[in-house]
PDB file of N, CA and C in Angstrom:
ATOM      1  N   UNK A   1      27.864  -1.441   0.869  1.00  0.00           N
ATOM      2  CA  UNK A   1      27.422  -0.686   1.179  1.00  0.00           C
ATOM      3  C   UNK A   1      27.305   0.208   2.594  1.00  0.00           C
ATOM      4  N   UNK A   2      27.097   1.817   1.800  1.00  0.00           N
ATOM      5  CA  UNK A   2      27.051   2.411   3.302  1.00  0.00           C
ATOM      6  C   UNK A   2      26.120   2.461   4.075  1.00  0.00           C
ATOM      7  N   UNK A   3      26.677   3.520   5.493  1.00  0.00           N
ATOM      8  CA  UNK A   3      26.130   3.291   6.940  1.00  0.00           C
ATOM      9  C   UNK A   3      24.536   3.438   6.552  1.00  0.00           C
ATOM     10  N   UNK A   4      24.040   4.862   5.922  1.00  0.00           N
ATOM     11  CA  UNK A   4      22.384   5.091   5.279  1.00  0.00           C
ATOM     12  C   UNK A   4      22.194   4.097   5.044  1.00  0.00           C
ATOM     13  N   UNK A   5      22.951   3.605   3.540  1.00  0.00           N
ATOM     14  CA  UNK A   5      21.955   2.793   2.646  1.00  0.00           C
ATOM     15  C   UNK A   5      21.533   1.609   3.299  1.00  0.00           C
ATOM     16  N   UNK A   6      22.321   0.745   4.423  1.00  0.00           N
ATOM     17  CA  UNK A   6      22.243   0.037   5.038  1.00  0.00           C
ATOM     18  C   UNK A   6      21.134   0.008   6.483  1.00  0.00           C
ATOM     19  N   UNK A   7      20.884   1.074   6.784  1.00  0.00           N
ATOM     20  CA  UNK A   7      20.148   1.126   7.843  1.00  0.00           C
ATOM     21  C   UNK A   7      18.639   1.767   6.817  1.00  0.00           C
ATOM     22  N   UNK A   8      18.518   2.175   5.847  1.00  0.00           N
ATOM     23  CA  UNK A   8      17.767   2.309   4.874  1.00  0.00           C
ATOM     24  C   UNK A   8      17.137   1.010   4.552  1.00  0.00           C
ATOM     25  N   UNK A   9      17.957   0.175   4.094  1.00  0.00           N
ATOM     26  CA  UNK A   9      17.401  -0.980   3.554  1.00  0.00           C
ATOM     27  C   UNK A   9      16.838  -2.025   5.087  1.00  0.00           C
ATOM     28  N   UNK A  10      17.668  -1.906   6.228  1.00  0.00           N
ATOM     29  CA  UNK A  10      17.233  -2.414   7.290  1.00  0.00           C
ATOM     30  C   UNK A  10      15.437  -1.862   7.913  1.00  0.00           C
ATOM     31  N   UNK A  11      15.467  -1.000   7.570  1.00  0.00           N
ATOM     32  CA  UNK A  11      14.269  -0.251   7.957  1.00  0.00           C
ATOM     33  C   UNK A  11      13.448  -0.621   7.088  1.00  0.00           C
ATOM     34  N   UNK A  12      13.405  -0.875   6.082  1.00  0.00           N
ATOM     35  CA  UNK A  12      12.672  -1.141   4.789  1.00  0.00           C
ATOM     36  C   UNK A  12      12.138  -2.466   5.135  1.00  0.00           C
ATOM     37  N   UNK A  13      13.002  -3.729   5.324  1.00  0.00           N
ATOM     38  CA  UNK A  13      12.553  -4.894   5.557  1.00  0.00           C
ATOM     39  C   UNK A  13      11.792  -4.642   6.701  1.00  0.00           C
ATOM     40  N   UNK A  14      12.270  -4.325   7.789  1.00  0.00           N
ATOM     41  CA  UNK A  14      11.387  -4.595   9.254  1.00  0.00           C
ATOM     42  C   UNK A  14      10.240  -3.765   8.885  1.00  0.00           C
ATOM     43  N   UNK A  15       9.699  -2.512   7.935  1.00  0.00           N
ATOM     44  CA  UNK A  15       8.866  -1.984   7.721  1.00  0.00           C
ATOM     45  C   UNK A  15       8.061  -3.346   7.588  1.00  0.00           C
ATOM     46  N   UNK A  16       8.324  -3.557   6.027  1.00  0.00           N
ATOM     47  CA  UNK A  16       7.770  -5.203   5.161  1.00  0.00           C
ATOM     48  C   UNK A  16       7.368  -6.006   6.174  1.00  0.00           C
ATOM     49  N   UNK A  17       8.553  -6.746   7.472  1.00  0.00           N
ATOM     50  CA  UNK A  17       7.914  -7.218   8.337  1.00  0.00           C
ATOM     51  C   UNK A  17       6.823  -7.111   9.130  1.00  0.00           C
ATOM     52  N   UNK A  18       6.951  -5.536   9.239  1.00  0.00           N
ATOM     53  CA  UNK A  18       5.632  -4.973  10.257  1.00  0.00           C
ATOM     54  C   UNK A  18       4.629  -5.107   9.408  1.00  0.00           C
ATOM     55  N   UNK A  19       4.388  -4.889   8.314  1.00  0.00           N
ATOM     56  CA  UNK A  19       3.198  -4.653   7.689  1.00  0.00           C
ATOM     57  C   UNK A  19       3.170  -5.932   6.964  1.00  0.00           C
ATOM     58  N   UNK A  20       3.074  -7.575   7.056  1.00  0.00           N
ATOM     59  CA  UNK A  20       3.228  -8.714   6.228  1.00  0.00           C
ATOM     60  C   UNK A  20       1.746  -9.381   7.348  1.00  0.00           C
ATOM     61  N   UNK A  21       0.962  -9.285   6.514  1.00  0.00           N
ATOM     62  CA  UNK A  21      -0.662  -9.834   6.577  1.00  0.00           C
ATOM     63  C   UNK A  21      -1.607  -8.940   7.140  1.00  0.00           C
ATOM     64  N   UNK A  22      -1.191  -7.596   6.962  1.00  0.00           N
ATOM     65  CA  UNK A  22      -1.943  -6.653   7.203  1.00  0.00           C
ATOM     66  C   UNK A  22      -3.487  -6.877   6.400  1.00  0.00           C
ATOM     67  N   UNK A  23      -4.549  -6.546   7.483  1.00  0.00           N
ATOM     68  CA  UNK A  23      -5.769  -6.358   7.034  1.00  0.00           C
ATOM     69  C   UNK A  23      -6.889  -5.449   7.407  1.00  0.00           C
ATOM     70  N   UNK A  24      -7.812  -5.413   7.287  1.00  0.00           N
ATOM     71  CA  UNK A  24      -8.445  -4.191   7.579  1.00  0.00           C
ATOM     72  C   UNK A  24      -8.894  -4.371   8.968  1.00  0.00           C
ATOM     73  N   UNK A  25      -8.982  -5.011   9.930  1.00  0.00           N
ATOM     74  CA  UNK A  25      -8.581  -4.975  11.295  1.00  0.00           C
ATOM     75  C   UNK A  25      -7.538  -4.985  11.708  1.00  0.00           C
ATOM     76  N   UNK A  26      -6.347  -5.038  11.294  1.00  0.00           N
ATOM     77  CA  UNK A  26      -5.159  -4.817  12.184  1.00  0.00           C
ATOM     78  C   UNK A  26      -4.022  -3.404  11.532  1.00  0.00           C
ATOM     79  N   UNK A  27      -4.581  -3.164  10.584  1.00  0.00           N
ATOM     80  CA  UNK A  27      -3.815  -2.278   9.799  1.00  0.00           C
ATOM     81  C   UNK A  27      -3.343  -1.174  10.652  1.00  0.00           C
ATOM     82  N   UNK A  28      -4.454  -0.626  11.245  1.00  0.00           N
ATOM     83  CA  UNK A  28      -4.286   1.141  11.755  1.00  0.00           C
ATOM     84  C   UNK A  28      -3.054   1.074  12.694  1.00  0.00           C
ATOM     85  N   UNK A  29      -2.790   0.282  13.859  1.00  0.00           N
ATOM     86  CA  UNK A  29      -2.018   0.208  14.723  1.00  0.00           C
ATOM     87  C   UNK A  29      -0.606   0.558  13.965  1.00  0.00           C
ATOM     88  N   UNK A  30      -0.545  -0.675  12.949  1.00  0.00           N
ATOM     89  CA  UNK A  30       0.968  -0.936  12.146  1.00  0.00           C
ATOM     90  C   UNK A  30       1.451   0.183  11.644  1.00  0.00           C
ATOM     91  N   UNK A  31       0.715   0.975  11.027  1.00  0.00           N
ATOM     92  CA  UNK A  31       0.705   2.133   9.823  1.00  0.00           C
ATOM     93  C   UNK A  31       0.582   3.027  11.135  1.00  0.00           C
ATOM     94  N   UNK A  32       0.385   3.704  12.090  1.00  0.00           N
ATOM     95  CA  UNK A  32       0.648   4.477  13.033  1.00  0.00           C
ATOM     96  C   UNK A  32       1.997   4.313  13.542  1.00  0.00           C
ATOM     97  N   UNK A  33       2.409   3.096  13.835  1.00  0.00           N
ATOM     98  CA  UNK A  33       3.871   2.951  14.341  1.00  0.00           C
ATOM     99  C   UNK A  33       4.722   3.924  13.008  1.00  0.00           C
ATOM    100  N   UNK A  34       4.392   3.176  11.981  1.00  0.00           N
ATOM    101  CA  UNK A  34       5.117   3.237  10.520  1.00  0.00           C
ATOM    102  C   UNK A  34       5.343   4.904  10.420  1.00  0.00           C
ATOM    103  N   UNK A  35       4.112   5.564  10.998  1.00  0.00           N
ATOM    104  CA  UNK A  35       3.766   7.124  10.471  1.00  0.00           C
ATOM    105  C   UNK A  35       4.849   7.647  11.539  1.00  0.00           C
ATOM    106  N   UNK A  36       4.816   6.973  12.903  1.00  0.00           N
ATOM    107  CA  UNK A  36       5.719   8.181  13.786  1.00  0.00           C
ATOM    108  C   UNK A  36       6.998   7.442  13.682  1.00  0.00           C
ATOM    109  N   UNK A  37       7.594   6.568  12.760  1.00  0.00           N
ATOM    110  CA  UNK A  37       8.909   6.658  12.617  1.00  0.00           C
ATOM    111  C   UNK A  37       9.599   7.400  11.288  1.00  0.00           C
ATOM    112  N   UNK A  38       8.700   7.433  10.371  1.00  0.00           N
ATOM    113  CA  UNK A  38       8.769   8.326   8.954  1.00  0.00           C
ATOM    114  C   UNK A  38       7.493   8.903   8.581  1.00  0.00           C
ATOM    115  N   UNK A  39       7.260   9.569   8.840  1.00  0.00           N
ATOM    116  CA  UNK A  39       5.786  10.304   8.587  1.00  0.00           C
ATOM    117  C   UNK A  39       5.878  10.635   6.987  1.00  0.00           C
ATOM    118  N   UNK A  40       6.653  10.986   6.709  1.00  0.00           N
ATOM    119  CA  UNK A  40       7.115  11.774   5.049  1.00  0.00           C
ATOM    120  C   UNK A  40       7.320  10.351   4.102  1.00  0.00           C
ATOM    121  N   UNK A  41       7.256   9.402   4.877  1.00  0.00           N
ATOM    122  CA  UNK A  41       8.111   8.230   3.488  1.00  0.00           C
ATOM    123  C   UNK A  41       6.365   7.241   3.892  1.00  0.00           C
ATOM    124  N   UNK A  42       5.448   7.462   4.241  1.00  0.00           N
ATOM    125  CA  UNK A  42       3.903   6.724   4.735  1.00  0.00           C
ATOM    126  C   UNK A  42       3.096   7.443   4.335  1.00  0.00           C
ATOM    127  N   UNK A  43       2.321   6.702   3.158  1.00  0.00           N
ATOM    128  CA  UNK A  43       1.164   7.145   2.716  1.00  0.00           C
ATOM    129  C   UNK A  43      -0.062   7.343   3.826  1.00  0.00           C
ATOM    130  N   UNK A  44      -0.665   8.471   3.475  1.00  0.00           N
ATOM    131  CA  UNK A  44      -1.958   9.073   4.739  1.00  0.00           C
ATOM    132  C   UNK A  44      -2.941   7.795   4.264  1.00  0.00           C
ATOM    133  N   UNK A  45      -3.404   7.526   3.335  1.00  0.00           N
ATOM    134  CA  UNK A  45      -4.563   6.798   2.946  1.00  0.00           C
ATOM    135  C   UNK A  45      -3.913   5.180   2.659  1.00  0.00           C
ATOM    136  N   UNK A  46      -4.278   4.190   3.625  1.00  0.00           N
ATOM    137  CA  UNK A  46      -3.419   3.039   3.595  1.00  0.00           C
ATOM    138  C   UNK A  46      -4.409   1.910   2.722  1.00  0.00           C
ATOM    139  N   UNK A  47      -3.337   1.407   1.804  1.00  0.00           N
ATOM    140  CA  UNK A  47      -3.800   0.079   1.017  1.00  0.00           C
ATOM    141  C   UNK A  47      -3.716  -1.301   1.776  1.00  0.00           C
ATOM    142  N   UNK A  48      -4.975  -1.733   2.118  1.00  0.00           N
ATOM    143  CA  UNK A  48      -4.592  -2.884   2.942  1.00  0.00           C
ATOM    144  C   UNK A  48      -4.774  -4.360   2.189  1.00  0.00           C
ATOM    145  N   UNK A  49      -4.260  -5.250   3.031  1.00  0.00           N
ATOM    146  CA  UNK A  49      -3.867  -6.633   2.226  1.00  0.00           C
ATOM    147  C   UNK A  49      -5.675  -6.572   1.971  1.00  0.00           C
ATOM    148  N   UNK A  50      -5.650  -7.173   0.458  1.00  0.00           N
ATOM    149  CA  UNK A  50      -7.031  -7.531  -0.093  1.00  0.00           C
ATOM    150  C   UNK A  50      -7.344  -8.767  -0.997  1.00  0.00           C
ATOM    151  N   UNK A  51      -8.449  -9.726  -0.653  1.00  0.00           N
ATOM    152  CA  UNK A  51      -8.518 -10.757  -1.348  1.00  0.00           C
ATOM    153  C   UNK A  51      -8.415 -10.524  -2.987  1.00  0.00           C
ATOM    154  N   UNK A  52      -9.359  -9.687  -3.012  1.00  0.00           N
ATOM    155  CA  UNK A  52      -8.920  -8.938  -4.832  1.00  0.00           C
ATOM    156  C   UNK A  52      -8.155  -8.498  -5.051  1.00  0.00           C
ATOM    157  N   UNK A  53      -6.988  -7.794  -4.358  1.00  0.00           N
ATOM    158  CA  UNK A  53      -5.692  -7.586  -5.122  1.00  0.00           C
ATOM    159  C   UNK A  53      -4.780  -9.002  -4.947  1.00  0.00           C
ATOM    160  N   UNK A  54      -5.092  -9.810  -3.777  1.00  0.00           N
ATOM    161  CA  UNK A  54      -3.867 -11.132  -3.911  1.00  0.00           C
ATOM    162  C   UNK A  54      -4.036 -11.643  -5.057  1.00  0.00           C
ATOM    163  N   UNK A  55      -5.611 -12.144  -5.154  1.00  0.00           N
ATOM    164  CA  UNK A  55      -6.302 -12.903  -6.688  1.00  0.00           C
ATOM    165  C   UNK A  55      -6.199 -12.328  -8.085  1.00  0.00           C
ATOM    166  N   UNK A  56      -6.000 -11.035  -8.202  1.00  0.00           N
ATOM    167  CA  UNK A  56      -5.807 -10.256  -8.942  1.00  0.00           C
ATOM    168  C   UNK A  56      -3.994 -10.667  -9.318  1.00  0.00           C
ATOM    169  N   UNK A  57      -3.597 -10.693  -8.572  1.00  0.00           N
ATOM    170  CA  UNK A  57      -2.251 -10.537  -8.548  1.00  0.00           C
ATOM    171  C   UNK A  57      -1.772 -11.629  -9.157  1.00  0.00           C
ATOM    172  N   UNK A  58      -2.770 -12.728  -8.809  1.00  0.00           N
ATOM    173  CA  UNK A  58      -1.921 -14.432  -8.835  1.00  0.00           C
ATOM    174  C   UNK A  58      -2.245 -14.706  -9.967  1.00  0.00           C
ATOM    175  N   UNK A  59      -3.522 -13.759 -10.922  1.00  0.00           N
ATOM    176  CA  UNK A  59      -3.963 -13.734 -12.607  1.00  0.00           C
ATOM    177  C   UNK A  59      -2.724 -13.289 -13.352  1.00  0.00           C
ATOM    178  N   UNK A  60      -2.212 -12.295 -12.709  1.00  0.00           N
ATOM    179  CA  UNK A  60      -1.186 -11.222 -13.472  1.00  0.00           C
ATOM    180  C   UNK A  60      -2.164 -10.270 -13.804  1.00  0.00           C
ATOM    181  N   UNK A  61      -3.158  -9.909 -13.004  1.00  0.00           N
ATOM    182  CA  UNK A  61      -4.046  -8.307 -13.599  1.00  0.00           C
ATOM    183  C   UNK A  61      -4.279  -7.800 -12.401  1.00  0.00           C
ATOM    184  N   UNK A  62      -4.724  -6.324 -13.281  1.00  0.00           N
ATOM    185  CA  UNK A  62      -4.650  -5.669 -11.912  1.00  0.00           C
ATOM    186  C   UNK A  62      -5.906  -5.811 -11.152  1.00  0.00           C
ATOM    187  N   UNK A  63      -6.461  -5.058 -10.116  1.00  0.00           N
ATOM    188  CA  UNK A  63      -7.830  -5.465  -9.578  1.00  0.00           C
ATOM    189  C   UNK A  63      -8.668  -4.683 -10.558  1.00  0.00           C
ATOM    190  N   UNK A  64      -8.402  -4.016 -11.201  1.00  0.00           N
ATOM    191  CA  UNK A  64      -9.308  -3.212 -12.037  1.00  0.00           C
ATOM    192  C   UNK A  64      -9.865  -4.281 -13.312  1.00  0.00           C
ATOM    193  N   UNK A  65      -8.966  -5.466 -13.735  1.00  0.00           N
ATOM    194  CA  UNK A  65      -9.266  -6.243 -14.667  1.00  0.00           C
ATOM    195  C   UNK A  65      -9.848  -7.482 -14.172  1.00  0.00           C
ATOM    196  N   UNK A  66     -10.015  -7.819 -13.242  1.00  0.00           N
ATOM    197  CA  UNK A  66     -10.653  -9.104 -12.433  1.00  0.00           C
ATOM    198  C   UNK A  66     -12.010  -8.822 -12.624  1.00  0.00           C
ATOM    199  N   UNK A  67     -12.390 -10.080 -13.338  1.00  0.00           N
ATOM    200  CA  UNK A  67     -14.108 -10.413 -12.621  1.00  0.00           C
ATOM    201  C   UNK A  67     -14.706 -10.237 -11.025  1.00  0.00           C
ATOM    202  N   UNK A  68     -15.612  -9.209 -11.052  1.00  0.00           N
ATOM    203  CA  UNK A  68     -15.708  -9.063  -9.848  1.00  0.00           C
ATOM    204  C   UNK A  68     -16.599 -10.788  -9.342  1.00  0.00           C
ATOM    205  N   UNK A  69     -17.254 -10.999  -9.582  1.00  0.00           N
ATOM    206  CA  UNK A  69     -18.696 -12.172  -9.373  1.00  0.00           C
ATOM    207  C   UNK A  69     -17.903 -13.339  -8.282  1.00  0.00           C
ATOM    208  N   UNK A  70     -16.399 -13.362  -8.017  1.00  0.00           N
ATOM    209  CA  UNK A  70     -16.286 -14.533  -7.203  1.00  0.00           C
ATOM    210  C   UNK A  70     -15.870 -13.555  -5.599  1.00  0.00           C
ATOM    211  N   UNK A  71     -16.121 -12.322  -5.675  1.00  0.00           N
ATOM    212  CA  UNK A  71     -15.792 -12.046  -4.485  1.00  0.00           C
ATOM    213  C   UNK A  71     -17.283 -11.003  -3.863  1.00  0.00           C
ATOM    214  N   UNK A  72     -17.149 -11.415  -2.191  1.00  0.00           N
ATOM    215  CA  UNK A  72     -17.881 -10.583  -1.330  1.00  0.00           C
ATOM    216  C   UNK A  72     -18.114  -8.951  -1.810  1.00  0.00           C
ATOM    217  N   UNK A  73     -19.485  -8.578  -1.927  1.00  0.00           N
ATOM    218  CA  UNK A  73     -20.206  -7.544  -2.320  1.00  0.00           C
ATOM    219  C   UNK A  73     -19.089  -6.620  -1.899  1.00  0.00           C
ATOM    220  N   UNK A  74     -18.976  -5.193  -2.568  1.00  0.00           N
ATOM    221  CA  UNK A  74     -17.825  -4.567  -1.929  1.00  0.00           C
ATOM    222  C   UNK A  74     -16.377  -4.530  -2.020  1.00  0.00           C
ATOM    223  N   UNK A  75     -15.720  -6.003  -2.075  1.00  0.00           N
ATOM    224  CA  UNK A  75     -14.405  -6.243  -1.910  1.00  0.00           C
ATOM    225  C   UNK A  75     -13.756  -5.473  -3.056  1.00  0.00           C
ATOM    226  N   UNK A  76     -13.589  -5.687  -4.274  1.00  0.00           N
ATOM    227  CA  UNK A  76     -13.179  -4.968  -5.124  1.00  0.00           C
ATOM    228  C   UNK A  76     -13.320  -3.647  -5.228  1.00  0.00           C
ATOM    229  N   UNK A  77     -14.703  -2.911  -4.658  1.00  0.00           N
ATOM    230  CA  UNK A  77     -14.932  -1.828  -4.830  1.00  0.00           C
ATOM    231  C   UNK A  77     -13.892  -1.320  -3.697  1.00  0.00           C
ATOM    232  N   UNK A  78     -13.823  -1.780  -2.549  1.00  0.00           N
ATOM    233  CA  UNK A  78     -12.665  -1.318  -1.233  1.00  0.00           C
ATOM    234  C   UNK A  78     -11.535  -1.073  -2.211  1.00  0.00           C
ATOM    235  N   UNK A  79     -11.112  -2.490  -2.425  1.00  0.00           N
ATOM    236  CA  UNK A  79      -9.429  -2.557  -2.747  1.00  0.00           C
ATOM    237  C   UNK A  79      -9.406  -1.490  -3.830  1.00  0.00           C
ATOM    238  N   UNK A  80     -10.314  -0.755  -4.769  1.00  0.00           N
ATOM    239  CA  UNK A  80     -10.367   0.158  -5.983  1.00  0.00           C
ATOM    240  C   UNK A  80      -9.612   1.077  -5.264  1.00  0.00           C
ATOM    241  N   UNK A  81     -11.082   1.669  -4.343  1.00  0.00           N
ATOM    242  CA  UNK A  81     -10.978   2.900  -3.487  1.00  0.00           C
ATOM    243  C   UNK A  81      -9.678   2.812  -3.120  1.00  0.00           C
ATOM    244  N   UNK A  82      -9.022   2.525  -2.208  1.00  0.00           N
ATOM    245  CA  UNK A  82      -7.956   2.225  -1.544  1.00  0.00           C
ATOM    246  C   UNK A  82      -6.517   2.743  -2.113  1.00  0.00           C
ATOM    247  N   UNK A  83      -6.466   1.754  -3.353  1.00  0.00           N
ATOM    248  CA  UNK A  83      -5.666   1.887  -4.428  1.00  0.00           C
ATOM    249  C   UNK A  83      -5.813   3.445  -5.443  1.00  0.00           C
ATOM    250  N   UNK A  84      -6.834   4.142  -5.486  1.00  0.00           N
ATOM    251  CA  UNK A  84      -7.368   5.330  -6.055  1.00  0.00           C
ATOM    252  C   UNK A  84      -6.964   6.273  -5.331  1.00  0.00           C
ATOM    253  N   UNK A  85      -6.859   6.388  -3.802  1.00  0.00           N
ATOM    254  CA  UNK A  85      -6.514   7.195  -3.011  1.00  0.00           C
ATOM    255  C   UNK A  85      -5.140   7.397  -2.900  1.00  0.00           C
ATOM    256  N   UNK A  86      -4.657   6.130  -2.500  1.00  0.00           N
ATOM    257  CA  UNK A  86      -2.853   6.606  -2.423  1.00  0.00           C
ATOM    258  C   UNK A  86      -2.118   7.086  -4.040  1.00  0.00           C
ATOM    259  N   UNK A  87      -3.097   6.275  -5.151  1.00  0.00           N
ATOM    260  CA  UNK A  87      -2.505   7.032  -6.454  1.00  0.00           C
ATOM    261  C   UNK A  87      -2.466   8.425  -6.519  1.00  0.00           C
ATOM    262  N   UNK A  88      -3.678   9.237  -5.870  1.00  0.00           N
ATOM    263  CA  UNK A  88      -3.752  10.425  -5.751  1.00  0.00           C
ATOM    264  C   UNK A  88      -3.059  11.171  -5.181  1.00  0.00           C
ATOM    265  N   UNK A  89      -2.474  10.230  -3.871  1.00  0.00           N
ATOM    266  CA  UNK A  89      -1.646  10.913  -3.104  1.00  0.00           C
ATOM    267  C   UNK A  89      -0.306  11.017  -3.354  1.00  0.00           C
ATOM    268  N   UNK A  90      -0.132  10.285  -4.330  1.00  0.00           N
ATOM    269  CA  UNK A  90       1.345  10.308  -4.742  1.00  0.00           C
ATOM    270  C   UNK A  90       1.614  10.684  -6.318  1.00  0.00           C
ATOM    271  N   UNK A  91       0.788  11.240  -6.975  1.00  0.00           N
ATOM    272  CA  UNK A  91       0.461  11.846  -8.211  1.00  0.00           C
ATOM    273  C   UNK A  91       0.561  13.213  -8.202  1.00  0.00           C
ATOM    274  N   UNK A  92       0.785  14.283  -7.143  1.00  0.00           N
ATOM    275  CA  UNK A  92       0.438  15.296  -6.294  1.00  0.00           C
ATOM    276  C   UNK A  92       2.459  15.492  -6.752  1.00  0.00           C
ATOM    277  N   UNK A  93       3.243  15.057  -5.402  1.00  0.00           N
ATOM    278  CA  UNK A  93       4.348  15.124  -5.343  1.00  0.00           C
ATOM    279  C   UNK A  93       5.064  14.624  -6.291  1.00  0.00           C
ATOM    280  N   UNK A  94       4.755  13.447  -7.434  1.00  0.00           N
ATOM    281  CA  UNK A  94       5.648  13.224  -8.264  1.00  0.00           C
ATOM    282  C   UNK A  94       5.454  14.024  -9.194  1.00  0.00           C
ATOM    283  N   UNK A  95       4.297  14.767  -9.232  1.00  0.00           N
ATOM    284  CA  UNK A  95       4.368  15.696 -10.612  1.00  0.00           C
ATOM    285  C   UNK A  95       4.718  16.970 -10.542  1.00  0.00           C
ATOM    286  N   UNK A  96       5.171  17.072  -9.109  1.00  0.00           N
ATOM    287  CA  UNK A  96       5.649  18.637  -8.759  1.00  0.00           C
ATOM    288  C   UNK A  96       7.038  18.227  -8.976  1.00  0.00           C
ATOM    289  N   UNK A  97       7.635  17.030  -8.664  1.00  0.00           N
ATOM    290  CA  UNK A  97       9.217  16.652  -8.610  1.00  0.00           C
ATOM    291  C   UNK A  97       9.488  16.715 -10.046  1.00  0.00           C
ATOM    292  N   UNK A  98       8.644  16.319 -11.134  1.00  0.00           N
ATOM    293  CA  UNK A  98       8.895  16.584 -12.480  1.00  0.00           C
ATOM    294  C   UNK A  98       8.469  17.678 -13.305  1.00  0.00           C
ATOM    295  N   UNK A  99       8.138  18.593 -12.284  1.00  0.00           N
ATOM    296  CA  UNK A  99       8.171  20.019 -13.159  1.00  0.00           C
ATOM    297  C   UNK A  99       6.781  20.045 -13.775  1.00  0.00           C
ATOM    298  N   UNK A 100       5.408  19.492 -13.403  1.00  0.00           N
ATOM    299  CA  UNK A 100       4.492  19.407 -14.488  1.00  0.00           C
ATOM    300  C   UNK A 100       3.241  20.167 -13.721  1.00  0.00           C
TER     301      UNK A 100
END
C-alpha cells in the first residue's frame, strides 16, 4: 500500500473513531474538528446517530420504511430531514462530476 493510501486509510479510521457514538449533543465539536482537518471531505449538514436510523438498519430497512409509532415524536422526522439535507449536498457535485 502506498504512503498516500495508508495515510488516507488511517485518517478514515481515526475519523470513524472520532465520530463513534456521535449524538445530537456531542456531534458538533467532533464535526468541527473534522472540518478543520479536511473541509472538502466533510458534508456541511451532519447526520447524527439516531435511534430511528439504528433500528431501521437492524430491520434491514431504510428510515423511510420503518413504522414511526415506536419512536418518540419527531425522531424519524429529524433523521429523514438530516439524511435529505446530506443527500441534497452530495447530489449536486455527483451530477456535475457525471456531466449531468
